[in-house]
Amino acid sequence: MSDAMRTGGCQCGSVRFRIRGKLGRPSICHCRMCQKQFGSFFSALVTAPKDGVEWTRDEPSYFQSSVNIDRGFCPKCGTPLTYRHPGGLEIAIGAFDDRSDLAPRIQVNYQARLPWVETIFDQPVHDDQDYYSRQEQIISFQHPDHETEQWPASGAWT
């Protein structure tokens, strides 16, 4: 894993980060707390280098989910961003601008996985070209996957 500078943030762009240093092991966690935090089947996280995270635009709010763990999220849009524990900080893989080299290498809390999660990609693919052309017409207020001088774009939020 490269130790070059990495950037990322939440969906609305209110919270942005910059990471310097080598990232740790990307993982999938199947525990019930991660399922609830992400509102999904599991979480996908990567360990941040100690003292390597700089919040460049606002910071996450935190919810203490257990005695030793708190979970960070954007206070405006709710995007899950961090998993903070006594051993360090993990960042949601989906929050990185470039996620292409962050494929998970291990699954944790495997015994808590949903029984059908291993077959989700065996399902048929929706391949209706009209549907996808309609999706391209949606006007998105999502922050782009790169740094911006000013956000939101003019007039995007009121």
N, C-alpha and C. Protein backbone atom coordinates (compact mmCIF):
# COMPACT_ATOMS: atom_id res chain seq x y z
N MET A 1 0.85 -1.17 0.00
CA MET A 1 0.00 0.00 0.00
C MET A 1 0.89 1.23 0.00
N SER A 2 0.63 2.16 -0.85
CA SER A 2 1.43 3.37 -0.99
C SER A 2 1.32 4.24 0.26
N ASP A 3 2.39 4.97 0.54
CA ASP A 3 2.33 5.90 1.67
C ASP A 3 2.23 7.35 1.18
N ALA A 4 1.78 7.53 -0.05
CA ALA A 4 1.55 8.87 -0.58
C ALA A 4 0.38 9.52 0.14
N MET A 5 0.21 10.80 -0.05
CA MET A 5 -0.92 11.50 0.56
C MET A 5 -2.22 11.00 -0.06
N ARG A 6 -3.24 10.82 0.79
CA ARG A 6 -4.56 10.38 0.36
C ARG A 6 -5.57 11.40 0.86
N THR A 7 -6.67 11.56 0.13
CA THR A 7 -7.72 12.48 0.53
C THR A 7 -9.07 11.78 0.47
N GLY A 8 -10.03 12.39 1.13
CA GLY A 8 -11.38 11.85 1.09
C GLY A 8 -12.30 12.68 1.96
N GLY A 9 -13.53 12.21 2.09
CA GLY A 9 -14.49 12.93 2.92
C GLY A 9 -15.87 12.35 2.79
N CYS A 10 -16.80 13.07 3.35
CA CYS A 10 -18.19 12.63 3.38
C CYS A 10 -18.89 12.92 2.05
N GLN A 11 -20.14 12.51 1.98
CA GLN A 11 -20.91 12.68 0.74
C GLN A 11 -21.18 14.14 0.43
N CYS A 12 -21.49 14.94 1.44
CA CYS A 12 -21.85 16.34 1.17
C CYS A 12 -20.64 17.27 1.07
N GLY A 13 -19.47 16.82 1.51
CA GLY A 13 -18.26 17.64 1.42
C GLY A 13 -17.99 18.49 2.65
N SER A 14 -18.84 18.41 3.66
CA SER A 14 -18.61 19.21 4.88
C SER A 14 -17.40 18.75 5.65
N VAL A 15 -17.13 17.45 5.65
CA VAL A 15 -15.98 16.89 6.36
C VAL A 15 -15.03 16.32 5.32
N ARG A 16 -13.79 16.77 5.36
CA ARG A 16 -12.76 16.29 4.44
C ARG A 16 -11.52 15.94 5.25
N PHE A 17 -10.74 14.98 4.76
CA PHE A 17 -9.51 14.59 5.43
C PHE A 17 -8.37 14.44 4.44
N ARG A 18 -7.17 14.48 5.00
CA ARG A 18 -5.94 14.23 4.26
C ARG A 18 -5.14 13.26 5.13
N ILE A 19 -4.58 12.22 4.53
CA ILE A 19 -3.80 11.25 5.28
C ILE A 19 -2.41 11.17 4.66
N ARG A 20 -1.43 11.30 5.53
CA ARG A 20 -0.03 11.12 5.13
C ARG A 20 0.51 9.90 5.88
N GLY A 21 1.24 9.07 5.18
CA GLY A 21 1.79 7.88 5.80
C GLY A 21 1.14 6.63 5.24
N LYS A 22 1.71 5.52 5.59
CA LYS A 22 1.26 4.24 5.05
C LYS A 22 -0.01 3.79 5.76
N LEU A 23 -1.01 3.44 4.96
CA LEU A 23 -2.25 2.89 5.50
C LEU A 23 -2.01 1.45 5.94
N GLY A 24 -2.81 1.01 6.89
CA GLY A 24 -2.73 -0.36 7.37
C GLY A 24 -3.58 -1.30 6.53
N ARG A 25 -4.04 -2.34 7.16
CA ARG A 25 -4.76 -3.42 6.50
C ARG A 25 -6.21 -3.05 6.22
N PRO A 26 -6.64 -3.09 4.96
CA PRO A 26 -8.06 -2.92 4.66
C PRO A 26 -8.83 -4.16 5.09
N SER A 27 -10.01 -3.97 5.67
CA SER A 27 -10.77 -5.10 6.16
C SER A 27 -12.27 -4.89 5.99
N ILE A 28 -12.98 -6.00 6.12
CA ILE A 28 -14.44 -6.00 6.20
C ILE A 28 -14.77 -6.46 7.60
N CYS A 29 -15.71 -5.76 8.26
CA CYS A 29 -16.17 -6.19 9.57
C CYS A 29 -17.66 -6.52 9.49
N HIS A 30 -18.00 -7.70 9.98
CA HIS A 30 -19.38 -8.18 9.93
C HIS A 30 -20.13 -7.97 11.24
N CYS A 31 -19.53 -7.33 12.25
CA CYS A 31 -20.21 -7.21 13.54
C CYS A 31 -21.49 -6.40 13.41
N ARG A 32 -22.40 -6.62 14.33
CA ARG A 32 -23.71 -5.94 14.27
C ARG A 32 -23.55 -4.44 14.40
N MET A 33 -22.59 -3.96 15.20
CA MET A 33 -22.40 -2.51 15.33
C MET A 33 -21.98 -1.89 14.01
N CYS A 34 -21.11 -2.54 13.29
CA CYS A 34 -20.70 -2.01 11.97
C CYS A 34 -21.87 -2.07 10.98
N GLN A 35 -22.64 -3.14 11.03
CA GLN A 35 -23.81 -3.22 10.15
C GLN A 35 -24.74 -2.03 10.41
N LYS A 36 -24.95 -1.71 11.68
CA LYS A 36 -25.85 -0.61 12.00
C LYS A 36 -25.23 0.74 11.66
N GLN A 37 -23.92 0.92 11.93
CA GLN A 37 -23.28 2.20 11.63
C GLN A 37 -23.37 2.51 10.13
N PHE A 38 -23.11 1.52 9.31
CA PHE A 38 -23.09 1.74 7.87
C PHE A 38 -24.45 1.54 7.22
N GLY A 39 -25.41 1.01 7.99
CA GLY A 39 -26.72 0.72 7.42
C GLY A 39 -26.60 -0.26 6.28
N SER A 40 -25.71 -1.24 6.44
CA SER A 40 -25.38 -2.14 5.35
C SER A 40 -25.08 -3.53 5.88
N PHE A 41 -24.58 -4.40 5.01
CA PHE A 41 -24.31 -5.79 5.36
C PHE A 41 -23.05 -5.92 6.20
N PHE A 42 -22.10 -4.99 6.04
CA PHE A 42 -20.83 -5.00 6.75
C PHE A 42 -20.19 -3.63 6.58
N SER A 43 -19.08 -3.40 7.25
CA SER A 43 -18.31 -2.18 7.03
C SER A 43 -17.04 -2.55 6.29
N ALA A 44 -16.47 -1.59 5.59
CA ALA A 44 -15.17 -1.75 4.93
C ALA A 44 -14.30 -0.61 5.44
N LEU A 45 -13.21 -0.96 6.13
CA LEU A 45 -12.37 0.02 6.81
C LEU A 45 -10.90 -0.24 6.52
N VAL A 46 -10.10 0.82 6.66
CA VAL A 46 -8.65 0.68 6.56
C VAL A 46 -8.01 1.46 7.70
N THR A 47 -6.98 0.90 8.29
CA THR A 47 -6.31 1.52 9.42
C THR A 47 -5.50 2.73 8.96
N ALA A 48 -5.70 3.85 9.65
CA ALA A 48 -4.96 5.08 9.34
C ALA A 48 -3.64 5.07 10.12
N PRO A 49 -2.60 5.71 9.58
CA PRO A 49 -1.34 5.80 10.32
C PRO A 49 -1.50 6.66 11.57
N LYS A 50 -0.82 6.30 12.62
CA LYS A 50 -0.88 7.06 13.87
C LYS A 50 -0.46 8.49 13.58
N ASP A 51 -1.24 9.43 14.01
CA ASP A 51 -1.00 10.87 13.81
C ASP A 51 -0.90 11.26 12.34
N GLY A 52 -1.45 10.45 11.44
CA GLY A 52 -1.36 10.76 10.02
C GLY A 52 -2.60 11.38 9.42
N VAL A 53 -3.66 11.55 10.22
CA VAL A 53 -4.93 12.07 9.69
C VAL A 53 -5.06 13.54 10.04
N GLU A 54 -5.33 14.33 9.02
CA GLU A 54 -5.59 15.76 9.20
C GLU A 54 -6.99 16.04 8.66
N TRP A 55 -7.84 16.64 9.49
CA TRP A 55 -9.18 17.02 9.05
C TRP A 55 -9.06 18.39 8.41
N THR A 56 -9.30 18.48 7.12
CA THR A 56 -9.06 19.72 6.37
C THR A 56 -10.29 20.59 6.23
N ARG A 57 -11.46 20.01 6.44
CA ARG A 57 -12.71 20.77 6.40
C ARG A 57 -13.64 20.15 7.43
N ASP A 58 -13.87 20.84 8.52
CA ASP A 58 -14.69 20.38 9.64
C ASP A 58 -14.13 19.04 10.15
N GLU A 59 -14.81 18.43 11.09
CA GLU A 59 -14.42 17.15 11.66
C GLU A 59 -15.66 16.32 11.89
N PRO A 60 -15.48 15.00 12.03
CA PRO A 60 -16.65 14.17 12.30
C PRO A 60 -17.23 14.44 13.69
N SER A 61 -18.49 14.15 13.84
CA SER A 61 -19.11 14.02 15.16
C SER A 61 -18.97 12.55 15.53
N TYR A 62 -19.04 12.26 16.82
CA TYR A 62 -18.82 10.88 17.27
C TYR A 62 -19.97 10.36 18.10
N PHE A 63 -20.24 9.07 17.93
CA PHE A 63 -21.19 8.34 18.75
C PHE A 63 -20.42 7.23 19.44
N GLN A 64 -20.48 7.17 20.77
CA GLN A 64 -19.81 6.09 21.49
C GLN A 64 -20.70 4.85 21.45
N SER A 65 -20.28 3.87 20.66
CA SER A 65 -21.10 2.67 20.44
C SER A 65 -20.84 1.57 21.46
N SER A 66 -19.74 1.67 22.18
CA SER A 66 -19.44 0.70 23.25
C SER A 66 -18.40 1.34 24.17
N VAL A 67 -18.01 0.61 25.19
CA VAL A 67 -17.13 1.19 26.20
C VAL A 67 -15.79 1.66 25.61
N ASN A 68 -15.28 0.99 24.59
CA ASN A 68 -13.97 1.34 24.02
C ASN A 68 -14.01 1.91 22.61
N ILE A 69 -15.18 2.00 22.03
CA ILE A 69 -15.29 2.34 20.61
C ILE A 69 -16.18 3.56 20.41
N ASP A 70 -15.74 4.47 19.54
CA ASP A 70 -16.68 5.47 19.04
C ASP A 70 -16.56 5.55 17.54
N ARG A 71 -17.64 6.00 16.94
CA ARG A 71 -17.77 5.97 15.49
C ARG A 71 -18.06 7.38 14.97
N GLY A 72 -17.25 7.81 14.02
CA GLY A 72 -17.38 9.16 13.49
C GLY A 72 -18.24 9.22 12.25
N PHE A 73 -18.94 10.34 12.12
CA PHE A 73 -19.84 10.55 10.98
C PHE A 73 -19.94 12.04 10.71
N CYS A 74 -20.34 12.40 9.50
CA CYS A 74 -20.55 13.79 9.14
C CYS A 74 -21.78 14.30 9.88
N PRO A 75 -21.67 15.43 10.58
CA PRO A 75 -22.83 15.95 11.30
C PRO A 75 -23.91 16.52 10.37
N LYS A 76 -23.58 16.79 9.10
CA LYS A 76 -24.57 17.34 8.17
C LYS A 76 -25.28 16.27 7.35
N CYS A 77 -24.53 15.33 6.76
CA CYS A 77 -25.17 14.35 5.88
C CYS A 77 -25.22 12.95 6.46
N GLY A 78 -24.50 12.70 7.55
CA GLY A 78 -24.55 11.41 8.22
C GLY A 78 -23.62 10.34 7.67
N THR A 79 -22.80 10.66 6.69
CA THR A 79 -21.89 9.67 6.12
C THR A 79 -21.02 9.04 7.21
N PRO A 80 -20.98 7.71 7.33
CA PRO A 80 -20.07 7.05 8.27
C PRO A 80 -18.63 7.26 7.81
N LEU A 81 -17.75 7.67 8.73
CA LEU A 81 -16.38 7.99 8.35
C LEU A 81 -15.31 7.22 9.13
N THR A 82 -15.49 7.04 10.44
CA THR A 82 -14.41 6.47 11.24
C THR A 82 -14.90 5.44 12.24
N TYR A 83 -13.95 4.62 12.63
CA TYR A 83 -14.09 3.66 13.72
C TYR A 83 -12.87 3.91 14.60
N ARG A 84 -13.09 4.48 15.79
CA ARG A 84 -11.98 4.85 16.67
C ARG A 84 -11.97 3.92 17.87
N HIS A 85 -10.82 3.29 18.12
CA HIS A 85 -10.67 2.32 19.21
C HIS A 85 -9.35 2.59 19.92
N PRO A 86 -9.12 1.96 21.08
CA PRO A 86 -7.89 2.25 21.83
C PRO A 86 -6.61 2.04 21.03
N GLY A 87 -6.62 1.16 20.03
CA GLY A 87 -5.42 0.90 19.24
C GLY A 87 -5.23 1.83 18.06
N GLY A 88 -6.20 2.71 17.77
CA GLY A 88 -6.04 3.60 16.64
C GLY A 88 -7.34 4.01 15.99
N LEU A 89 -7.20 4.43 14.74
CA LEU A 89 -8.32 4.96 13.98
C LEU A 89 -8.40 4.23 12.65
N GLU A 90 -9.62 3.84 12.28
CA GLU A 90 -9.85 3.26 10.97
C GLU A 90 -10.79 4.18 10.21
N ILE A 91 -10.58 4.28 8.92
CA ILE A 91 -11.36 5.17 8.05
C ILE A 91 -12.17 4.31 7.09
N ALA A 92 -13.40 4.71 6.84
CA ALA A 92 -14.26 4.01 5.88
C ALA A 92 -13.64 4.06 4.49
N ILE A 93 -13.48 2.92 3.88
CA ILE A 93 -12.86 2.85 2.55
C ILE A 93 -13.66 3.65 1.54
N GLY A 94 -14.98 3.61 1.63
CA GLY A 94 -15.82 4.35 0.68
C GLY A 94 -15.68 5.85 0.78
N ALA A 95 -15.08 6.37 1.86
CA ALA A 95 -14.91 7.81 2.02
C ALA A 95 -13.67 8.34 1.31
N PHE A 96 -12.77 7.47 0.86
CA PHE A 96 -11.57 7.91 0.16
C PHE A 96 -11.91 8.35 -1.27
N ASP A 97 -11.23 9.38 -1.75
CA ASP A 97 -11.43 9.81 -3.13
C ASP A 97 -10.99 8.71 -4.10
N ASP A 98 -9.85 8.10 -3.84
CA ASP A 98 -9.37 7.00 -4.67
C ASP A 98 -9.37 5.75 -3.81
N ARG A 99 -10.23 4.81 -4.16
CA ARG A 99 -10.38 3.58 -3.39
C ARG A 99 -9.84 2.37 -4.15
N SER A 100 -9.25 2.61 -5.29
CA SER A 100 -8.94 1.52 -6.22
C SER A 100 -7.95 0.50 -5.66
N ASP A 101 -7.08 0.87 -4.75
CA ASP A 101 -6.11 -0.08 -4.21
C ASP A 101 -6.42 -0.48 -2.76
N LEU A 102 -7.66 -0.26 -2.33
CA LEU A 102 -8.03 -0.56 -0.94
C LEU A 102 -8.94 -1.79 -0.82
N ALA A 103 -8.70 -2.78 -1.63
CA ALA A 103 -9.48 -4.01 -1.55
C ALA A 103 -9.25 -4.68 -0.20
N PRO A 104 -10.31 -5.03 0.51
CA PRO A 104 -10.13 -5.68 1.82
C PRO A 104 -9.31 -6.96 1.70
N ARG A 105 -8.46 -7.17 2.73
CA ARG A 105 -7.59 -8.34 2.76
C ARG A 105 -8.00 -9.36 3.82
N ILE A 106 -8.94 -8.96 4.69
CA ILE A 106 -9.36 -9.87 5.75
C ILE A 106 -10.79 -9.52 6.16
N GLN A 107 -11.51 -10.52 6.63
CA GLN A 107 -12.85 -10.32 7.19
C GLN A 107 -12.74 -10.57 8.70
N VAL A 108 -13.33 -9.68 9.49
CA VAL A 108 -13.35 -9.87 10.94
C VAL A 108 -14.79 -10.02 11.41
N ASN A 109 -14.94 -10.62 12.57
CA ASN A 109 -16.26 -10.94 13.12
C ASN A 109 -17.09 -11.73 12.12
N TYR A 110 -16.44 -12.65 11.47
CA TYR A 110 -17.05 -13.45 10.41
C TYR A 110 -18.26 -14.24 10.90
N GLN A 111 -18.23 -14.68 12.15
CA GLN A 111 -19.34 -15.46 12.70
C GLN A 111 -20.62 -14.64 12.77
N ALA A 112 -20.54 -13.31 12.73
CA ALA A 112 -21.72 -12.44 12.81
C ALA A 112 -22.25 -12.05 11.42
N ARG A 113 -21.64 -12.55 10.36
CA ARG A 113 -22.06 -12.15 9.01
C ARG A 113 -23.49 -12.61 8.75
N LEU A 114 -24.14 -11.89 7.88
CA LEU A 114 -25.45 -12.31 7.42
C LEU A 114 -25.26 -13.57 6.57
N PRO A 115 -26.09 -14.57 6.72
CA PRO A 115 -25.85 -15.85 6.04
C PRO A 115 -25.84 -15.75 4.52
N TRP A 116 -26.53 -14.79 3.95
CA TRP A 116 -26.61 -14.69 2.49
C TRP A 116 -25.58 -13.74 1.89
N VAL A 117 -24.73 -13.14 2.71
CA VAL A 117 -23.81 -12.12 2.19
C VAL A 117 -22.81 -12.69 1.17
N GLU A 118 -22.49 -13.96 1.31
CA GLU A 118 -21.52 -14.56 0.39
C GLU A 118 -22.08 -14.76 -1.01
N THR A 119 -23.39 -14.65 -1.19
CA THR A 119 -23.98 -14.90 -2.50
C THR A 119 -24.56 -13.63 -3.14
N ILE A 120 -24.33 -12.46 -2.55
CA ILE A 120 -24.97 -11.26 -3.09
C ILE A 120 -24.53 -10.94 -4.51
N PHE A 121 -23.32 -11.27 -4.87
CA PHE A 121 -22.85 -10.95 -6.22
C PHE A 121 -23.16 -12.05 -7.23
N ASP A 122 -23.85 -13.08 -6.78
CA ASP A 122 -24.33 -14.12 -7.69
C ASP A 122 -25.68 -13.74 -8.28
N GLN A 123 -26.27 -12.66 -7.80
CA GLN A 123 -27.60 -12.25 -8.24
C GLN A 123 -27.54 -11.65 -9.65
N PRO A 124 -28.67 -11.66 -10.36
CA PRO A 124 -28.69 -11.08 -11.71
C PRO A 124 -28.31 -9.59 -11.70
N VAL A 125 -27.74 -9.15 -12.78
CA VAL A 125 -27.35 -7.74 -12.94
C VAL A 125 -28.46 -7.01 -13.68
N HIS A 126 -28.88 -5.88 -13.14
CA HIS A 126 -29.89 -5.03 -13.79
C HIS A 126 -29.20 -4.33 -14.95
N ASP A 127 -29.62 -4.60 -16.16
CA ASP A 127 -28.90 -4.08 -17.33
C ASP A 127 -29.86 -3.39 -18.30
N ASP A 128 -30.63 -2.45 -17.80
CA ASP A 128 -31.58 -1.69 -18.59
C ASP A 128 -30.94 -0.36 -18.98
N GLN A 129 -30.55 -0.19 -20.23
CA GLN A 129 -29.85 1.01 -20.65
C GLN A 129 -30.68 2.28 -20.47
N ASP A 130 -31.99 2.20 -20.62
CA ASP A 130 -32.84 3.37 -20.38
C ASP A 130 -32.74 3.83 -18.93
N TYR A 131 -32.72 2.88 -18.02
CA TYR A 131 -32.57 3.21 -16.60
C TYR A 131 -31.28 3.98 -16.36
N TYR A 132 -30.18 3.52 -16.92
CA TYR A 132 -28.89 4.17 -16.71
C TYR A 132 -28.82 5.53 -17.38
N SER A 133 -29.45 5.71 -18.52
CA SER A 133 -29.46 7.03 -19.15
C SER A 133 -30.28 8.02 -18.32
N ARG A 134 -31.35 7.56 -17.67
CA ARG A 134 -32.12 8.44 -16.78
C ARG A 134 -31.29 8.82 -15.55
N GLN A 135 -30.49 7.90 -15.06
CA GLN A 135 -29.65 8.19 -13.90
C GLN A 135 -28.63 9.29 -14.20
N GLU A 136 -28.15 9.33 -15.43
CA GLU A 136 -27.17 10.34 -15.82
C GLU A 136 -27.77 11.75 -15.83
N GLN A 137 -29.09 11.87 -15.86
CA GLN A 137 -29.74 13.17 -15.87
C GLN A 137 -29.94 13.75 -14.46
N ILE A 138 -29.66 12.96 -13.45
CA ILE A 138 -29.83 13.43 -12.07
C ILE A 138 -28.80 14.51 -11.78
N ILE A 139 -29.24 15.57 -11.15
CA ILE A 139 -28.32 16.64 -10.74
C ILE A 139 -27.86 16.31 -9.34
N SER A 140 -26.58 16.02 -9.19
CA SER A 140 -26.02 15.58 -7.92
C SER A 140 -25.45 16.75 -7.13
N PHE A 141 -25.69 16.72 -5.82
CA PHE A 141 -25.07 17.69 -4.91
C PHE A 141 -23.94 17.02 -4.13
N GLN A 142 -23.57 15.83 -4.52
CA GLN A 142 -22.51 15.09 -3.85
C GLN A 142 -21.16 15.75 -4.15
N HIS A 143 -20.31 15.79 -3.14
CA HIS A 143 -18.96 16.33 -3.32
C HIS A 143 -18.20 15.45 -4.31
N PRO A 144 -17.43 16.03 -5.22
CA PRO A 144 -16.67 15.21 -6.18
C PRO A 144 -15.52 14.49 -5.48
N ASP A 145 -14.96 13.49 -6.13
CA ASP A 145 -13.86 12.72 -5.56
C ASP A 145 -12.51 13.39 -5.80
N HIS A 146 -12.39 14.63 -5.34
CA HIS A 146 -11.13 15.36 -5.37
C HIS A 146 -11.27 16.58 -4.48
N GLU A 147 -10.16 17.19 -4.14
CA GLU A 147 -10.19 18.38 -3.30
C GLU A 147 -10.83 19.55 -4.05
N THR A 148 -11.51 20.40 -3.32
CA THR A 148 -12.12 21.60 -3.88
C THR A 148 -11.72 22.79 -3.04
N GLU A 149 -11.52 23.93 -3.67
CA GLU A 149 -11.19 25.16 -2.94
C GLU A 149 -12.34 25.57 -2.05
N GLN A 150 -13.53 25.53 -2.62
CA GLN A 150 -14.72 25.98 -1.92
C GLN A 150 -15.82 24.96 -2.11
N TRP A 151 -16.50 24.66 -1.04
CA TRP A 151 -17.63 23.75 -1.12
C TRP A 151 -18.61 24.15 -0.04
N PRO A 152 -19.87 24.14 -0.32
CA PRO A 152 -20.50 23.62 -1.52
C PRO A 152 -20.30 24.56 -2.72
N ALA A 153 -20.54 24.00 -3.87
CA ALA A 153 -20.51 24.82 -5.08
C ALA A 153 -21.58 25.91 -4.91
N SER A 154 -21.37 26.98 -5.54
CA SER A 154 -22.26 28.13 -5.40
C SER A 154 -23.73 27.74 -5.56
N GLY A 155 -24.53 28.02 -4.52
CA GLY A 155 -25.95 27.79 -4.58
C GLY A 155 -26.41 26.38 -4.29
N ALA A 156 -25.48 25.45 -4.00
CA ALA A 156 -25.88 24.07 -3.78
C ALA A 156 -26.61 23.88 -2.45
N TRP A 157 -26.21 24.60 -1.43
CA TRP A 157 -26.88 24.50 -0.13
C TRP A 157 -27.51 25.83 0.21
N THR A 158 -28.55 25.80 0.94
CA THR A 158 -29.14 27.04 1.39
C THR A 158 -29.06 27.15 2.89
